[in-house]
């Protein structure tokens, strides 16, 4: 294998940063597990994060409306900014209603995706593996129906998605740190 300076620099930097990947992985796994144990809190966190992002989006739309865009489109972008700000304000002032609305949108999106995947499975029937597409479509459809029909789902579904995402990000960092440990420091030892 040919030795390259760039690869060696990257490998050395990865080894130097490995402890940070480990620390981040451990913290994210712990945080994900804590959120899984407190799903209503995790859902509230997800709703408040949504509110922050909507407020930020509103401010950015206003900035764009009056600095980037000219003419009639300026007011359209300003309107988008107002809508984003209203959605963010709504998330902060009525987090339970926001959780219900977001969970309903999620459930409806899962139902639509499940229907589309199921239809695609039958279109792909001549292709090997079409059964997995069908299985995925039915599972997604049922998940959406269960979420939509469960009266308490707004209090845990968003939190569960957030907690699982954070947990798996932690596992990802831990796996990456483990892979770095196996990586030789120099391309001459590879």
Protein backbone atom coordinates (compact mmCIF):
# COMPACT_ATOMS: atom_id res chain seq x y z
CA UNK A 1 0.00 0.00 0.00
CA UNK A 2 1.30 3.43 -0.90
CA UNK A 3 2.00 5.76 2.01
CA UNK A 4 0.28 9.11 1.80
CA UNK A 5 0.85 12.04 4.11
CA UNK A 6 -2.83 13.08 4.03
CA UNK A 7 -4.06 9.66 5.17
CA UNK A 8 -1.50 9.57 7.97
CA UNK A 9 -2.58 13.01 9.17
CA UNK A 10 -6.22 11.94 9.19
CA UNK A 11 -5.42 8.68 11.00
CA UNK A 12 -3.32 10.48 13.61
CA UNK A 13 -6.06 13.06 14.16
CA UNK A 14 -8.69 10.32 14.54
CA UNK A 15 -6.55 8.56 17.14
CA UNK A 16 -5.96 11.85 18.97
CA UNK A 17 -9.72 12.57 19.04
CA UNK A 18 -10.82 9.01 19.90
CA UNK A 19 -11.36 9.82 23.59
CA UNK A 20 -13.79 12.58 22.61
CA UNK A 21 -15.80 10.20 20.42
CA UNK A 22 -15.91 7.76 23.35
CA UNK A 23 -17.02 10.47 25.79
CA UNK A 24 -19.66 11.82 23.42
CA UNK A 25 -20.91 8.28 22.75
CA UNK A 26 -21.21 7.45 26.45
CA UNK A 27 -22.99 10.74 27.22
CA UNK A 28 -25.43 10.33 24.33
CA UNK A 29 -26.23 6.73 25.33
CA UNK A 30 -26.86 7.82 28.93
CA UNK A 31 -28.96 10.78 27.78
CA UNK A 32 -30.93 8.57 25.38
CA UNK A 33 -31.64 6.04 28.13
CA UNK A 34 -32.73 8.80 30.53
CA UNK A 35 -35.10 10.15 27.86
CA UNK A 36 -36.47 6.64 27.23
CA UNK A 37 -37.22 6.41 30.94
CA UNK A 38 -39.00 9.79 30.89
CA UNK A 39 -40.89 9.88 27.59
CA UNK A 40 -43.25 12.77 28.50
CA UNK A 41 -40.21 14.91 29.36
CA UNK A 42 -38.55 13.82 26.11
CA UNK A 43 -41.70 14.75 24.18
CA UNK A 44 -41.78 18.18 25.84
CA UNK A 45 -38.11 18.59 24.88
CA UNK A 46 -38.91 17.69 21.27
CA UNK A 47 -41.80 20.18 21.19
CA UNK A 48 -39.66 22.96 22.66
CA UNK A 49 -36.86 22.17 20.19
CA UNK A 50 -39.45 22.41 17.42
CA UNK A 51 -40.49 25.81 18.82
CA UNK A 52 -36.91 27.07 18.87
CA UNK A 53 -36.32 25.91 15.29
CA UNK A 54 -39.55 27.53 14.09
CA UNK A 55 -38.65 30.83 15.80
CA UNK A 56 -35.18 30.71 14.27
CA UNK A 57 -36.74 29.96 10.88
CA UNK A 58 -39.05 32.95 11.29
CA UNK A 59 -36.20 35.31 12.08
CA UNK A 60 -34.16 34.00 9.14
CA UNK A 61 -37.13 34.43 6.79
CA UNK A 62 -37.52 38.04 7.95
CA UNK A 63 -33.83 38.73 7.43
CA UNK A 64 -34.00 37.17 3.95
CA UNK A 65 -37.20 39.06 3.12
CA UNK A 66 -35.63 42.46 3.69
CA UNK A 67 -32.02 41.82 2.65
CA UNK A 68 -32.04 39.22 -0.13
CA UNK A 69 -35.40 39.49 -1.89
CA UNK A 70 -36.74 42.46 -3.83
CA UNK A 71 -40.19 43.42 -5.03
CA UNK A 72 -43.36 41.46 -4.37
CA UNK A 73 -41.67 38.25 -3.27
CA UNK A 74 -40.25 40.12 -0.28
CA UNK A 75 -43.69 40.18 1.35
CA UNK A 76 -44.23 36.48 0.70
CA UNK A 77 -41.00 35.68 2.54
CA UNK A 78 -42.02 38.04 5.35
CA UNK A 79 -45.36 36.18 5.57
CA UNK A 80 -43.47 32.88 5.86
CA UNK A 81 -41.46 34.49 8.64
CA UNK A 82 -44.65 35.44 10.49
CA UNK A 83 -46.05 31.91 10.08
CA UNK A 84 -42.85 30.37 11.41
CA UNK A 85 -42.84 32.75 14.39
CA UNK A 86 -46.50 31.98 15.13
CA UNK A 87 -45.80 28.24 15.00
CA UNK A 88 -42.84 28.67 17.36
CA UNK A 89 -44.88 30.81 19.74
CA UNK A 90 -47.68 28.22 19.62
CA UNK A 91 -45.20 25.46 20.51
CA UNK A 92 -44.01 27.37 23.58
CA UNK A 93 -47.42 28.51 24.82
CA UNK A 94 -49.38 25.31 24.11
CA UNK A 95 -46.90 22.41 24.17
CA UNK A 96 -49.56 19.75 24.72
CA UNK A 97 -51.63 20.85 21.72
CA UNK A 98 -48.42 21.12 19.68
CA UNK A 99 -47.49 17.56 20.68
CA UNK A 100 -50.95 16.36 19.59
CA UNK A 101 -50.67 18.16 16.23
CA UNK A 102 -47.10 16.99 15.54
CA UNK A 103 -47.91 13.42 16.55
CA UNK A 104 -50.97 13.44 14.30
CA UNK A 105 -48.90 14.72 11.37
CA UNK A 106 -46.31 12.02 12.05
CA UNK A 107 -48.98 9.31 12.18
CA UNK A 108 -50.60 10.52 8.95
CA UNK A 109 -47.20 10.64 7.23
CA UNK A 110 -46.50 7.06 8.37
CA UNK A 111 -49.89 5.91 7.09
CA UNK A 112 -49.31 7.54 3.70
CA UNK A 113 -45.77 6.12 3.50
CA UNK A 114 -47.07 2.68 4.46
CA UNK A 115 -49.73 2.77 1.75
CA UNK A 116 -47.20 3.90 -0.87
CA UNK A 117 -44.70 1.19 0.15
CA UNK A 118 -47.40 -1.47 0.08
CA UNK A 119 -48.53 -0.43 -3.41
CA UNK A 120 -44.88 -0.33 -4.54
CA UNK A 121 -44.39 -3.85 -3.20
CA UNK A 122 -47.07 -5.18 -5.51
CA UNK A 123 -45.58 -3.23 -8.41
CA UNK A 124 -42.20 -4.81 -7.57
CA UNK A 125 -43.70 -8.29 -7.20
CA UNK A 126 -41.69 -9.76 -10.09
CA UNK A 127 -38.47 -8.59 -8.38
CA UNK A 128 -36.74 -10.70 -5.76
CA UNK A 129 -37.15 -9.22 -2.29
CA UNK A 130 -40.51 -7.57 -2.94
CA UNK A 131 -41.85 -9.26 0.20
CA UNK A 132 -39.55 -7.14 2.37
CA UNK A 133 -40.95 -4.00 0.78
CA UNK A 134 -44.46 -5.31 1.49
CA UNK A 135 -43.51 -6.14 5.09
CA UNK A 136 -42.00 -2.67 5.54
CA UNK A 137 -45.10 -1.02 4.07
CA UNK A 138 -47.51 -2.96 6.27
CA UNK A 139 -45.39 -2.32 9.37
CA UNK A 140 -45.20 1.42 8.62
CA UNK A 141 -48.95 1.56 7.92
CA UNK A 142 -49.78 -0.25 11.17
CA UNK A 143 -47.41 1.98 13.14
CA UNK A 144 -49.16 5.08 11.80
CA UNK A 145 -52.60 3.63 12.58
CA UNK A 146 -51.56 2.65 16.11
CA UNK A 147 -50.10 6.09 16.80
CA UNK A 148 -53.16 7.87 15.40
CA UNK A 149 -55.62 5.69 17.31
CA UNK A 150 -53.84 5.82 20.68
CA UNK A 151 -55.15 8.70 22.81
CA UNK A 152 -51.95 8.92 24.87
CA UNK A 153 -49.50 8.77 21.94
CA UNK A 154 -48.89 12.55 21.88
CA UNK A 155 -47.32 12.22 25.32
CA UNK A 156 -44.70 9.63 24.38
CA UNK A 157 -44.27 9.12 20.61
CA UNK A 158 -42.21 12.23 19.83
CA UNK A 159 -40.12 11.62 22.94
CA UNK A 160 -39.54 8.01 21.96
CA UNK A 161 -38.33 9.02 18.49
CA UNK A 162 -36.02 11.65 20.04
CA UNK A 163 -34.71 9.25 22.70
CA UNK A 164 -34.06 6.45 20.22
CA UNK A 165 -32.30 8.84 17.84
CA UNK A 166 -30.04 10.14 20.61
CA UNK A 167 -29.38 6.60 21.88
CA UNK A 168 -28.38 5.38 18.43
CA UNK A 169 -26.19 8.43 17.84
CA UNK A 170 -24.37 7.49 21.04
CA UNK A 171 -23.99 3.89 19.87
CA UNK A 172 -22.73 5.23 16.54
CA UNK A 173 -20.01 7.30 18.25
CA UNK A 174 -18.98 4.35 20.44
CA UNK A 175 -18.77 2.09 17.38
CA UNK A 176 -16.74 4.73 15.54
CA UNK A 177 -14.35 5.04 18.49
CA UNK A 178 -13.94 1.26 18.48
CA UNK A 179 -13.20 1.29 14.76
CA UNK A 180 -10.59 4.01 15.25
CA UNK A 181 -8.84 1.82 17.83
CA UNK A 182 -8.48 -0.90 15.18
CA UNK A 183 -7.13 1.58 12.62
CA UNK A 184 -3.32 1.65 12.32
CA UNK A 185 -1.67 4.99 13.09
CA UNK A 186 0.32 4.95 9.86
CA UNK A 187 -0.43 3.77 6.35
CA UNK A 188 2.94 1.97 6.32
CA UNK A 189 1.65 -0.43 8.99
CA UNK A 190 -1.55 -1.15 7.08
